[in-house]
Amino acid sequence: MKLDARTIRQKRQVYSVVASHFVTASPKKIRQGCAELSDGYGIDFPALSDKNALTPAMIREMHASGLVEFGAHSARHAYLGRLDNSETRCEITQSERATDLLTTQSVRFQP
């Protein structure tokens, strides 16, 4: 499928289409979709993530300020309703552990 994304409006429409597919897709389908986008359009997802994601230092600084509260949700932003119980527990546990390490306090899952 080719989507026209020359204007800002078109880019927003494309984002909505792609995001709606990813929200309900299984982790395997998401990986496949990202690989296809990467191959077809030369998108480097790890580089984009590195460029746009909060760094551990940023998270620690924001948490220390007292102005931002961090909570655990899932490790990979997976749609938990699409995972089996074991995968869901793993997503939540990994998220809690990572958040605990970054904020140096106990953080529990917040649905």
PDB file of N, CA and C in Angstrom:
ATOM      1  N   MET A   1       0.839  -1.174   0.000  1.00  0.00           N
ATOM      2  CA  MET A   1       0.000   0.000   0.000  1.00  0.00           C
ATOM      3  C   MET A   1       0.886   1.239   0.000  1.00  0.00           C
ATOM      4  N   LYS A   2       0.611   2.153  -0.875  1.00  0.00           N
ATOM      5  CA  LYS A   2       1.344   3.423  -0.927  1.00  0.00           C
ATOM      6  C   LYS A   2       0.428   4.514  -0.412  1.00  0.00           C
ATOM      7  N   LEU A   3       0.954   5.374   0.424  1.00  0.00           N
ATOM      8  CA  LEU A   3       0.192   6.484   0.987  1.00  0.00           C
ATOM      9  C   LEU A   3       0.897   7.791   0.658  1.00  0.00           C
ATOM     10  N   ASP A   4       0.136   8.759   0.191  1.00  0.00           N
ATOM     11  CA  ASP A   4       0.693  10.062  -0.169  1.00  0.00           C
ATOM     12  C   ASP A   4       0.918  10.871   1.109  1.00  0.00           C
ATOM     13  N   ALA A   5       2.123  11.374   1.279  1.00  0.00           N
ATOM     14  CA  ALA A   5       2.458  12.105   2.508  1.00  0.00           C
ATOM     15  C   ALA A   5       3.306  13.325   2.206  1.00  0.00           C
ATOM     16  N   ARG A   6       2.889  14.085   1.213  1.00  0.00           N
ATOM     17  CA  ARG A   6       3.664  15.277   0.862  1.00  0.00           C
ATOM     18  C   ARG A   6       3.323  16.482   1.728  1.00  0.00           C
ATOM     19  N   THR A   7       2.060  16.635   2.068  1.00  0.00           N
ATOM     20  CA  THR A   7       1.668  17.801   2.871  1.00  0.00           C
ATOM     21  C   THR A   7       1.539  17.392   4.340  1.00  0.00           C
ATOM     22  N   ILE A   8       1.491  18.368   5.222  1.00  0.00           N
ATOM     23  CA  ILE A   8       1.314  18.093   6.657  1.00  0.00           C
ATOM     24  C   ILE A   8       0.001  17.341   6.888  1.00  0.00           C
ATOM     25  N   ARG A   9      -1.053  17.775   6.218  1.00  0.00           N
ATOM     26  CA  ARG A   9      -2.357  17.117   6.377  1.00  0.00           C
ATOM     27  C   ARG A   9      -2.273  15.648   5.956  1.00  0.00           C
ATOM     28  N   GLN A  10      -1.632  15.381   4.830  1.00  0.00           N
ATOM     29  CA  GLN A  10      -1.479  14.009   4.354  1.00  0.00           C
ATOM     30  C   GLN A  10      -0.622  13.191   5.326  1.00  0.00           C
ATOM     31  N   LYS A  11       0.420  13.802   5.858  1.00  0.00           N
ATOM     32  CA  LYS A  11       1.283  13.097   6.818  1.00  0.00           C
ATOM     33  C   LYS A  11       0.494  12.704   8.054  1.00  0.00           C
ATOM     34  N   ARG A  12      -0.369  13.594   8.515  1.00  0.00           N
ATOM     35  CA  ARG A  12      -1.209  13.266   9.676  1.00  0.00           C
ATOM     36  C   ARG A  12      -2.157  12.123   9.359  1.00  0.00           C
ATOM     37  N   GLN A  13      -2.709  12.130   8.166  1.00  0.00           N
ATOM     38  CA  GLN A  13      -3.608  11.049   7.752  1.00  0.00           C
ATOM     39  C   GLN A  13      -2.858   9.727   7.671  1.00  0.00           C
ATOM     40  N   VAL A  14      -1.666   9.747   7.096  1.00  0.00           N
ATOM     41  CA  VAL A  14      -0.855   8.543   7.006  1.00  0.00           C
ATOM     42  C   VAL A  14      -0.525   8.024   8.403  1.00  0.00           C
ATOM     43  N   TYR A  15      -0.136   8.931   9.294  1.00  0.00           N
ATOM     44  CA  TYR A  15       0.168   8.521  10.667  1.00  0.00           C
ATOM     45  C   TYR A  15      -1.040   7.832  11.296  1.00  0.00           C
ATOM     46  N   SER A  16      -2.227   8.407  11.132  1.00  0.00           N
ATOM     47  CA  SER A  16      -3.440   7.814  11.706  1.00  0.00           C
ATOM     48  C   SER A  16      -3.685   6.414  11.171  1.00  0.00           C
ATOM     49  N   VAL A  17      -3.495   6.228   9.874  1.00  0.00           N
ATOM     50  CA  VAL A  17      -3.697   4.914   9.263  1.00  0.00           C
ATOM     51  C   VAL A  17      -2.689   3.907   9.818  1.00  0.00           C
ATOM     52  N   VAL A  18      -1.427   4.278   9.805  1.00  0.00           N
ATOM     53  CA  VAL A  18      -0.374   3.361  10.272  1.00  0.00           C
ATOM     54  C   VAL A  18      -0.527   3.079  11.766  1.00  0.00           C
ATOM     55  N   ALA A  19      -0.732   4.114  12.565  1.00  0.00           N
ATOM     56  CA  ALA A  19      -0.866   3.938  14.013  1.00  0.00           C
ATOM     57  C   ALA A  19      -2.058   3.051  14.356  1.00  0.00           C
ATOM     58  N   SER A  20      -3.178   3.214  13.641  1.00  0.00           N
ATOM     59  CA  SER A  20      -4.358   2.393  13.940  1.00  0.00           C
ATOM     60  C   SER A  20      -4.084   0.917  13.665  1.00  0.00           C
ATOM     61  N   HIS A  21      -3.249   0.620  12.682  1.00  0.00           N
ATOM     62  CA  HIS A  21      -2.883  -0.769  12.412  1.00  0.00           C
ATOM     63  C   HIS A  21      -1.947  -1.302  13.486  1.00  0.00           C
ATOM     64  N   PHE A  22      -1.023  -0.497  13.946  1.00  0.00           N
ATOM     65  CA  PHE A  22      -0.057  -0.945  14.944  1.00  0.00           C
ATOM     66  C   PHE A  22      -0.689  -1.132  16.322  1.00  0.00           C
ATOM     67  N   VAL A  23      -1.663  -0.335  16.660  1.00  0.00           N
ATOM     68  CA  VAL A  23      -2.274  -0.404  17.994  1.00  0.00           C
ATOM     69  C   VAL A  23      -2.861  -1.781  18.270  1.00  0.00           C
ATOM     70  N   THR A  24      -3.475  -2.373  17.271  1.00  0.00           N
ATOM     71  CA  THR A  24      -4.142  -3.657  17.487  1.00  0.00           C
ATOM     72  C   THR A  24      -3.337  -4.858  16.985  1.00  0.00           C
ATOM     73  N   ALA A  25      -2.170  -4.612  16.433  1.00  0.00           N
ATOM     74  CA  ALA A  25      -1.368  -5.709  15.872  1.00  0.00           C
ATOM     75  C   ALA A  25      -0.597  -6.450  16.960  1.00  0.00           C
ATOM     76  N   SER A  26      -0.273  -7.686  16.669  1.00  0.00           N
ATOM     77  CA  SER A  26       0.571  -8.471  17.573  1.00  0.00           C
ATOM     78  C   SER A  26       2.000  -7.933  17.483  1.00  0.00           C
ATOM     79  N   PRO A  27       2.829  -8.209  18.505  1.00  0.00           N
ATOM     80  CA  PRO A  27       4.228  -7.760  18.440  1.00  0.00           C
ATOM     81  C   PRO A  27       4.937  -8.242  17.175  1.00  0.00           C
ATOM     82  N   LYS A  28       4.653  -9.469  16.743  1.00  0.00           N
ATOM     83  CA  LYS A  28       5.274 -10.007  15.523  1.00  0.00           C
ATOM     84  C   LYS A  28       4.868  -9.182  14.306  1.00  0.00           C
ATOM     85  N   LYS A  29       3.577  -8.845  14.191  1.00  0.00           N
ATOM     86  CA  LYS A  29       3.095  -8.039  13.068  1.00  0.00           C
ATOM     87  C   LYS A  29       3.688  -6.630  13.107  1.00  0.00           C
ATOM     88  N   ILE A  30       3.856  -6.085  14.295  1.00  0.00           N
ATOM     89  CA  ILE A  30       4.458  -4.752  14.426  1.00  0.00           C
ATOM     90  C   ILE A  30       5.902  -4.784  13.928  1.00  0.00           C
ATOM     91  N   ARG A  31       6.662  -5.795  14.338  1.00  0.00           N
ATOM     92  CA  ARG A  31       8.046  -5.929  13.867  1.00  0.00           C
ATOM     93  C   ARG A  31       8.086  -6.065  12.344  1.00  0.00           C
ATOM     94  N   GLN A  32       7.177  -6.869  11.786  1.00  0.00           N
ATOM     95  CA  GLN A  32       7.124  -7.038  10.333  1.00  0.00           C
ATOM     96  C   GLN A  32       6.793  -5.714   9.643  1.00  0.00           C
ATOM     97  N   GLY A  33       5.818  -4.989  10.184  1.00  0.00           N
ATOM     98  CA  GLY A  33       5.433  -3.706   9.607  1.00  0.00           C
ATOM     99  C   GLY A  33       6.568  -2.697   9.649  1.00  0.00           C
ATOM    100  N   CYS A  34       7.270  -2.651  10.758  1.00  0.00           N
ATOM    101  CA  CYS A  34       8.412  -1.734  10.884  1.00  0.00           C
ATOM    102  C   CYS A  34       9.518  -2.116   9.900  1.00  0.00           C
ATOM    103  N   ALA A  35       9.748  -3.417   9.744  1.00  0.00           N
ATOM    104  CA  ALA A  35      10.773  -3.874   8.795  1.00  0.00           C
ATOM    105  C   ALA A  35      10.385  -3.494   7.370  1.00  0.00           C
ATOM    106  N   GLU A  36       9.104  -3.637   7.029  1.00  0.00           N
ATOM    107  CA  GLU A  36       8.647  -3.272   5.683  1.00  0.00           C
ATOM    108  C   GLU A  36       8.773  -1.768   5.457  1.00  0.00           C
ATOM    109  N   LEU A  37       8.391  -0.971   6.437  1.00  0.00           N
ATOM    110  CA  LEU A  37       8.541   0.487   6.309  1.00  0.00           C
ATOM    111  C   LEU A  37      10.012   0.866   6.186  1.00  0.00           C
ATOM    112  N   SER A  38      10.838   0.213   6.973  1.00  0.00           N
ATOM    113  CA  SER A  38      12.273   0.487   6.934  1.00  0.00           C
ATOM    114  C   SER A  38      12.850   0.162   5.567  1.00  0.00           C
ATOM    115  N   ASP A  39      12.515  -1.017   5.060  1.00  0.00           N
ATOM    116  CA  ASP A  39      13.025  -1.439   3.753  1.00  0.00           C
ATOM    117  C   ASP A  39      12.473  -0.576   2.620  1.00  0.00           C
ATOM    118  N   GLY A  40      11.179  -0.286   2.674  1.00  0.00           N
ATOM    119  CA  GLY A  40      10.535   0.428   1.581  1.00  0.00           C
ATOM    120  C   GLY A  40      10.812   1.916   1.540  1.00  0.00           C
ATOM    121  N   TYR A  41      11.064   2.499   2.713  1.00  0.00           N
ATOM    122  CA  TYR A  41      11.222   3.951   2.770  1.00  0.00           C
ATOM    123  C   TYR A  41      12.531   4.407   3.392  1.00  0.00           C
ATOM    124  N   GLY A  42      13.399   3.464   3.721  1.00  0.00           N
ATOM    125  CA  GLY A  42      14.690   3.827   4.288  1.00  0.00           C
ATOM    126  C   GLY A  42      14.583   4.444   5.677  1.00  0.00           C
ATOM    127  N   ILE A  43      13.605   3.993   6.449  1.00  0.00           N
ATOM    128  CA  ILE A  43      13.410   4.530   7.801  1.00  0.00           C
ATOM    129  C   ILE A  43      14.275   3.739   8.778  1.00  0.00           C
ATOM    130  N   ASP A  44      15.085   4.418   9.540  1.00  0.00           N
ATOM    131  CA  ASP A  44      15.941   3.783  10.543  1.00  0.00           C
ATOM    132  C   ASP A  44      15.273   3.957  11.909  1.00  0.00           C
ATOM    133  N   PHE A  45      14.436   2.971  12.292  1.00  0.00           N
ATOM    134  CA  PHE A  45      13.678   3.091  13.533  1.00  0.00           C
ATOM    135  C   PHE A  45      14.548   3.221  14.782  1.00  0.00           C
ATOM    136  N   PRO A  46      15.630   2.436  14.914  1.00  0.00           N
ATOM    137  CA  PRO A  46      16.479   2.625  16.096  1.00  0.00           C
ATOM    138  C   PRO A  46      17.055   4.051  16.178  1.00  0.00           C
ATOM    139  N   ALA A  47      17.463   4.609  15.038  1.00  0.00           N
ATOM    140  CA  ALA A  47      18.007   5.972  15.049  1.00  0.00           C
ATOM    141  C   ALA A  47      16.928   6.981  15.422  1.00  0.00           C
ATOM    142  N   LEU A  48      15.721   6.795  14.908  1.00  0.00           N
ATOM    143  CA  LEU A  48      14.621   7.695  15.274  1.00  0.00           C
ATOM    144  C   LEU A  48      14.317   7.610  16.764  1.00  0.00           C
ATOM    145  N   SER A  49      14.338   6.398  17.284  1.00  0.00           N
ATOM    146  CA  SER A  49      14.075   6.207  18.709  1.00  0.00           C
ATOM    147  C   SER A  49      15.159   6.877  19.543  1.00  0.00           C
ATOM    148  N   ASP A  50      16.414   6.665  19.153  1.00  0.00           N
ATOM    149  CA  ASP A  50      17.521   7.289  19.884  1.00  0.00           C
ATOM    150  C   ASP A  50      17.414   8.814  19.855  1.00  0.00           C
ATOM    151  N   LYS A  51      16.972   9.344  18.728  1.00  0.00           N
ATOM    152  CA  LYS A  51      16.874  10.795  18.563  1.00  0.00           C
ATOM    153  C   LYS A  51      15.714  11.391  19.370  1.00  0.00           C
ATOM    154  N   ASN A  52      14.605  10.658  19.479  1.00  0.00           N
ATOM    155  CA  ASN A  52      13.383  11.227  20.039  1.00  0.00           C
ATOM    156  C   ASN A  52      12.983  10.715  21.424  1.00  0.00           C
ATOM    157  N   ALA A  53      13.549   9.615  21.853  1.00  0.00           N
ATOM    158  CA  ALA A  53      13.164   9.042  23.143  1.00  0.00           C
ATOM    159  C   ALA A  53      13.872   9.764  24.291  1.00  0.00           C
ATOM    160  N   LEU A  54      13.224   9.742  25.438  1.00  0.00           N
ATOM    161  CA  LEU A  54      13.877  10.269  26.636  1.00  0.00           C
ATOM    162  C   LEU A  54      15.056   9.373  26.992  1.00  0.00           C
ATOM    163  N   THR A  55      16.144   9.983  27.380  1.00  0.00           N
ATOM    164  CA  THR A  55      17.309   9.217  27.829  1.00  0.00           C
ATOM    165  C   THR A  55      17.144   8.918  29.317  1.00  0.00           C
ATOM    166  N   PRO A  56      17.866   7.926  29.829  1.00  0.00           N
ATOM    167  CA  PRO A  56      17.812   7.670  31.272  1.00  0.00           C
ATOM    168  C   PRO A  56      18.166   8.917  32.092  1.00  0.00           C
ATOM    169  N   ALA A  57      19.134   9.692  31.637  1.00  0.00           N
ATOM    170  CA  ALA A  57      19.511  10.918  32.365  1.00  0.00           C
ATOM    171  C   ALA A  57      18.352  11.917  32.389  1.00  0.00           C
ATOM    172  N   MET A  58      17.649  12.055  31.281  1.00  0.00           N
ATOM    173  CA  MET A  58      16.505  12.970  31.234  1.00  0.00           C
ATOM    174  C   MET A  58      15.405  12.508  32.193  1.00  0.00           C
ATOM    175  N   ILE A  59      15.155  11.201  32.220  1.00  0.00           N
ATOM    176  CA  ILE A  59      14.116  10.664  33.102  1.00  0.00           C
ATOM    177  C   ILE A  59      14.491  10.909  34.558  1.00  0.00           C
ATOM    178  N   ARG A  60      15.746  10.647  34.909  1.00  0.00           N
ATOM    179  CA  ARG A  60      16.187  10.873  36.295  1.00  0.00           C
ATOM    180  C   ARG A  60      16.046  12.342  36.679  1.00  0.00           C
ATOM    181  N   GLU A  61      16.442  13.234  35.779  1.00  0.00           N
ATOM    182  CA  GLU A  61      16.350  14.666  36.058  1.00  0.00           C
ATOM    183  C   GLU A  61      14.892  15.096  36.222  1.00  0.00           C
ATOM    184  N   MET A  62      14.028  14.627  35.346  1.00  0.00           N
ATOM    185  CA  MET A  62      12.619  14.986  35.433  1.00  0.00           C
ATOM    186  C   MET A  62      12.000  14.447  36.720  1.00  0.00           C
ATOM    187  N   HIS A  63      12.334  13.222  37.064  1.00  0.00           N
ATOM    188  CA  HIS A  63      11.805  12.617  38.289  1.00  0.00           C
ATOM    189  C   HIS A  63      12.300  13.381  39.523  1.00  0.00           C
ATOM    190  N   ALA A  64      13.581  13.711  39.530  1.00  0.00           N
ATOM    191  CA  ALA A  64      14.169  14.423  40.673  1.00  0.00           C
ATOM    192  C   ALA A  64      13.554  15.814  40.856  1.00  0.00           C
ATOM    193  N   SER A  65      13.064  16.404  39.798  1.00  0.00           N
ATOM    194  CA  SER A  65      12.472  17.747  39.896  1.00  0.00           C
ATOM    195  C   SER A  65      11.190  17.744  40.720  1.00  0.00           C
ATOM    196  N   GLY A  66      10.538  16.582  40.807  1.00  0.00           N
ATOM    197  CA  GLY A  66       9.267  16.514  41.510  1.00  0.00           C
ATOM    198  C   GLY A  66       8.092  17.025  40.689  1.00  0.00           C
ATOM    199  N   LEU A  67       8.369  17.496  39.487  1.00  0.00           N
ATOM    200  CA  LEU A  67       7.316  18.040  38.622  1.00  0.00           C
ATOM    201  C   LEU A  67       6.693  16.979  37.715  1.00  0.00           C
ATOM    202  N   VAL A  68       7.371  15.835  37.591  1.00  0.00           N
ATOM    203  CA  VAL A  68       6.912  14.782  36.689  1.00  0.00           C
ATOM    204  C   VAL A  68       6.802  13.485  37.471  1.00  0.00           C
ATOM    205  N   GLU A  69       5.717  12.761  37.242  1.00  0.00           N
ATOM    206  CA  GLU A  69       5.523  11.463  37.876  1.00  0.00           C
ATOM    207  C   GLU A  69       5.594  10.385  36.801  1.00  0.00           C
ATOM    208  N   PHE A  70       6.385   9.350  37.056  1.00  0.00           N
ATOM    209  CA  PHE A  70       6.509   8.257  36.108  1.00  0.00           C
ATOM    210  C   PHE A  70       5.770   7.040  36.641  1.00  0.00           C
ATOM    211  N   GLY A  71       5.113   6.337  35.748  1.00  0.00           N
ATOM    212  CA  GLY A  71       4.420   5.108  36.101  1.00  0.00           C
ATOM    213  C   GLY A  71       4.750   4.017  35.093  1.00  0.00           C
ATOM    214  N   ALA A  72       4.578   2.792  35.505  1.00  0.00           N
ATOM    215  CA  ALA A  72       4.849   1.653  34.635  1.00  0.00           C
ATOM    216  C   ALA A  72       3.583   1.298  33.853  1.00  0.00           C
ATOM    217  N   HIS A  73       3.751   0.926  32.595  1.00  0.00           N
ATOM    218  CA  HIS A  73       2.602   0.476  31.809  1.00  0.00           C
ATOM    219  C   HIS A  73       2.935  -0.806  31.054  1.00  0.00           C
ATOM    220  N   SER A  74       3.910  -0.764  30.172  1.00  0.00           N
ATOM    221  CA  SER A  74       4.392  -1.966  29.489  1.00  0.00           C
ATOM    222  C   SER A  74       5.783  -1.669  28.957  1.00  0.00           C
ATOM    223  N   ALA A  75       6.542  -2.699  28.704  1.00  0.00           N
ATOM    224  CA  ALA A  75       7.932  -2.511  28.281  1.00  0.00           C
ATOM    225  C   ALA A  75       8.041  -1.998  26.850  1.00  0.00           C
ATOM    226  N   ARG A  76       7.187  -2.498  25.962  1.00  0.00           N
ATOM    227  CA  ARG A  76       7.292  -2.147  24.548  1.00  0.00           C
ATOM    228  C   ARG A  76       6.045  -1.438  24.027  1.00  0.00           C
ATOM    229  N   HIS A  77       5.222  -0.909  24.910  1.00  0.00           N
ATOM    230  CA  HIS A  77       3.959  -0.278  24.520  1.00  0.00           C
ATOM    231  C   HIS A  77       3.057  -1.263  23.780  1.00  0.00           C
ATOM    232  N   ALA A  78       3.148  -2.504  24.180  1.00  0.00           N
ATOM    233  CA  ALA A  78       2.329  -3.543  23.551  1.00  0.00           C
ATOM    234  C   ALA A  78       0.863  -3.350  23.905  1.00  0.00           C
ATOM    235  N   TYR A  79      -0.008  -3.746  23.011  1.00  0.00           N
ATOM    236  CA  TYR A  79      -1.451  -3.745  23.264  1.00  0.00           C
ATOM    237  C   TYR A  79      -1.718  -4.978  24.113  1.00  0.00           C
ATOM    238  N   LEU A  80      -1.817  -4.795  25.418  1.00  0.00           N
ATOM    239  CA  LEU A  80      -1.849  -5.916  26.360  1.00  0.00           C
ATOM    240  C   LEU A  80      -3.008  -6.867  26.108  1.00  0.00           C
ATOM    241  N   GLY A  81      -4.114  -6.380  25.593  1.00  0.00           N
ATOM    242  CA  GLY A  81      -5.259  -7.234  25.312  1.00  0.00           C
ATOM    243  C   GLY A  81      -4.993  -8.256  24.217  1.00  0.00           C
ATOM    244  N   ARG A  82      -3.940  -8.066  23.444  1.00  0.00           N
ATOM    245  CA  ARG A  82      -3.583  -8.992  22.357  1.00  0.00           C
ATOM    246  C   ARG A  82      -2.550 -10.039  22.802  1.00  0.00           C
ATOM    247  N   LEU A  83      -2.058  -9.914  24.030  1.00  0.00           N
ATOM    248  CA  LEU A  83      -1.026 -10.837  24.509  1.00  0.00           C
ATOM    249  C   LEU A  83      -1.647 -11.896  25.404  1.00  0.00           C
ATOM    250  N   ASP A  84      -0.981 -13.042  25.502  1.00  0.00           N
ATOM    251  CA  ASP A  84      -1.454 -14.036  26.463  1.00  0.00           C
ATOM    252  C   ASP A  84      -0.998 -13.621  27.860  1.00  0.00           C
ATOM    253  N   ASN A  85      -1.481 -14.299  28.885  1.00  0.00           N
ATOM    254  CA  ASN A  85      -1.199 -13.898  30.275  1.00  0.00           C
ATOM    255  C   ASN A  85       0.286 -13.842  30.589  1.00  0.00           C
ATOM    256  N   SER A  86       1.050 -14.813  30.081  1.00  0.00           N
ATOM    257  CA  SER A  86       2.488 -14.852  30.339  1.00  0.00           C
ATOM    258  C   SER A  86       3.199 -13.647  29.715  1.00  0.00           C
ATOM    259  N   GLU A  87       2.848 -13.340  28.460  1.00  0.00           N
ATOM    260  CA  GLU A  87       3.459 -12.189  27.783  1.00  0.00           C
ATOM    261  C   GLU A  87       3.066 -10.878  28.467  1.00  0.00           C
ATOM    262  N   THR A  88       1.821 -10.791  28.908  1.00  0.00           N
ATOM    263  CA  THR A  88       1.351  -9.586  29.598  1.00  0.00           C
ATOM    264  C   THR A  88       2.126  -9.384  30.895  1.00  0.00           C
ATOM    265  N   ARG A  89       2.257 -10.452  31.679  1.00  0.00           N
ATOM    266  CA  ARG A  89       3.024 -10.357  32.942  1.00  0.00           C
ATOM    267  C   ARG A  89       4.462  -9.925  32.671  1.00  0.00           C
ATOM    268  N   CYS A  90       5.066 -10.476  31.634  1.00  0.00           N
ATOM    269  CA  CYS A  90       6.441 -10.133  31.274  1.00  0.00           C
ATOM    270  C   CYS A  90       6.540  -8.652  30.899  1.00  0.00           C
ATOM    271  N   GLU A  91       5.618  -8.154  30.079  1.00  0.00           N
ATOM    272  CA  GLU A  91       5.598  -6.740  29.687  1.00  0.00           C
ATOM    273  C   GLU A  91       5.521  -5.841  30.919  1.00  0.00           C
ATOM    274  N   ILE A  92       4.620  -6.168  31.819  1.00  0.00           N
ATOM    275  CA  ILE A  92       4.402  -5.333  33.004  1.00  0.00           C
ATOM    276  C   ILE A  92       5.608  -5.403  33.936  1.00  0.00           C
ATOM    277  N   THR A  93       6.112  -6.607  34.181  1.00  0.00           N
ATOM    278  CA  THR A  93       7.260  -6.782  35.083  1.00  0.00           C
ATOM    279  C   THR A  93       8.491  -6.060  34.555  1.00  0.00           C
ATOM    280  N   GLN A  94       8.766  -6.185  33.253  1.00  0.00           N
ATOM    281  CA  GLN A  94       9.927  -5.497  32.676  1.00  0.00           C
ATOM    282  C   GLN A  94       9.778  -3.980  32.800  1.00  0.00           C
ATOM    283  N   SER A  95       8.582  -3.491  32.583  1.00  0.00           N
ATOM    284  CA  SER A  95       8.329  -2.052  32.688  1.00  0.00           C
ATOM    285  C   SER A  95       8.531  -1.566  34.123  1.00  0.00           C
ATOM    286  N   GLU A  96       7.998  -2.327  35.077  1.00  0.00           N
ATOM    287  CA  GLU A  96       8.170  -1.950  36.488  1.00  0.00           C
ATOM    288  C   GLU A  96       9.642  -1.926  36.887  1.00  0.00           C
ATOM    289  N   ARG A  97      10.391  -2.943  36.490  1.00  0.00           N
ATOM    290  CA  ARG A  97      11.818  -3.012  36.833  1.00  0.00           C
ATOM    291  C   ARG A  97      12.600  -1.855  36.219  1.00  0.00           C
ATOM    292  N   ALA A  98      12.342  -1.573  34.933  1.00  0.00           N
ATOM    293  CA  ALA A  98      13.054  -0.479  34.263  1.00  0.00           C
ATOM    294  C   ALA A  98      12.734   0.860  34.924  1.00  0.00           C
ATOM    295  N   THR A  99      11.465   1.071  35.250  1.00  0.00           N
ATOM    296  CA  THR A  99      11.055   2.324  35.887  1.00  0.00           C
ATOM    297  C   THR A  99      11.648   2.431  37.289  1.00  0.00           C
ATOM    298  N   ASP A 100      11.654   1.332  38.027  1.00  0.00           N
ATOM    299  CA  ASP A 100      12.270   1.316  39.366  1.00  0.00           C
ATOM    300  C   ASP A 100      13.738   1.732  39.294  1.00  0.00           C
ATOM    301  N   LEU A 101      14.470   1.183  38.317  1.00  0.00           N
ATOM    302  CA  LEU A 101      15.895   1.491  38.186  1.00  0.00           C
ATOM    303  C   LEU A 101      16.130   2.957  37.835  1.00  0.00           C
ATOM    304  N   LEU A 102      15.298   3.485  36.964  1.00  0.00           N
ATOM    305  CA  LEU A 102      15.481   4.871  36.521  1.00  0.00           C
ATOM    306  C   LEU A 102      15.085   5.892  37.578  1.00  0.00           C
ATOM    307  N   THR A 103      14.057   5.582  38.331  1.00  0.00           N
ATOM    308  CA  THR A 103      13.567   6.556  39.316  1.00  0.00           C
ATOM    309  C   THR A 103      14.056   6.261  40.726  1.00  0.00           C
ATOM    310  N   THR A 104      14.707   5.139  40.905  1.00  0.00           N
ATOM    311  CA  THR A 104      15.206   4.682  42.214  1.00  0.00           C
ATOM    312  C   THR A 104      14.098   4.623  43.264  1.00  0.00           C
ATOM    313  N   GLN A 105      12.907   4.280  42.829  1.00  0.00           N
ATOM    314  CA  GLN A 105      11.808   4.037  43.769  1.00  0.00           C
ATOM    315  C   GLN A 105      10.939   2.930  43.182  1.00  0.00           C
ATOM    316  N   SER A 106      10.112   2.331  44.017  1.00  0.00           N
ATOM    317  CA  SER A 106       9.239   1.268  43.568  1.00  0.00           C
ATOM    318  C   SER A 106       8.043   1.847  42.813  1.00  0.00           C
ATOM    319  N   VAL A 107       7.896   1.438  41.584  1.00  0.00           N
ATOM    320  CA  VAL A 107       6.771   1.887  40.754  1.00  0.00           C
ATOM    321  C   VAL A 107       5.995   0.674  40.300  1.00  0.00           C
ATOM    322  N   ARG A 108       4.704   0.673  40.505  1.00  0.00           N
ATOM    323  CA  ARG A 108       3.867  -0.454  40.106  1.00  0.00           C
ATOM    324  C   ARG A 108       3.011  -0.093  38.924  1.00  0.00           C
ATOM    325  N   PHE A 109       2.592  -1.115  38.230  1.00  0.00           N
ATOM    326  CA  PHE A 109       1.762  -1.002  37.030  1.00  0.00           C
ATOM    327  C   PHE A 109       0.529  -0.138  37.301  1.00  0.00           C
ATOM    328  N   GLN A 110       0.237   0.761  36.360  1.00  0.00           N
ATOM    329  CA  GLN A 110      -0.935   1.631  36.460  1.00  0.00           C
ATOM    330  C   GLN A 110      -1.766   1.494  35.195  1.00  0.00           C
ATOM    331  N   PRO A 111      -2.812   0.665  35.240  1.00  0.00           N
ATOM    332  CA  PRO A 111      -3.625   0.466  34.019  1.00  0.00           C
ATOM    333  C   PRO A 111      -4.365   1.732  33.621  1.00  0.00           C
TER     334      PRO A 111
END
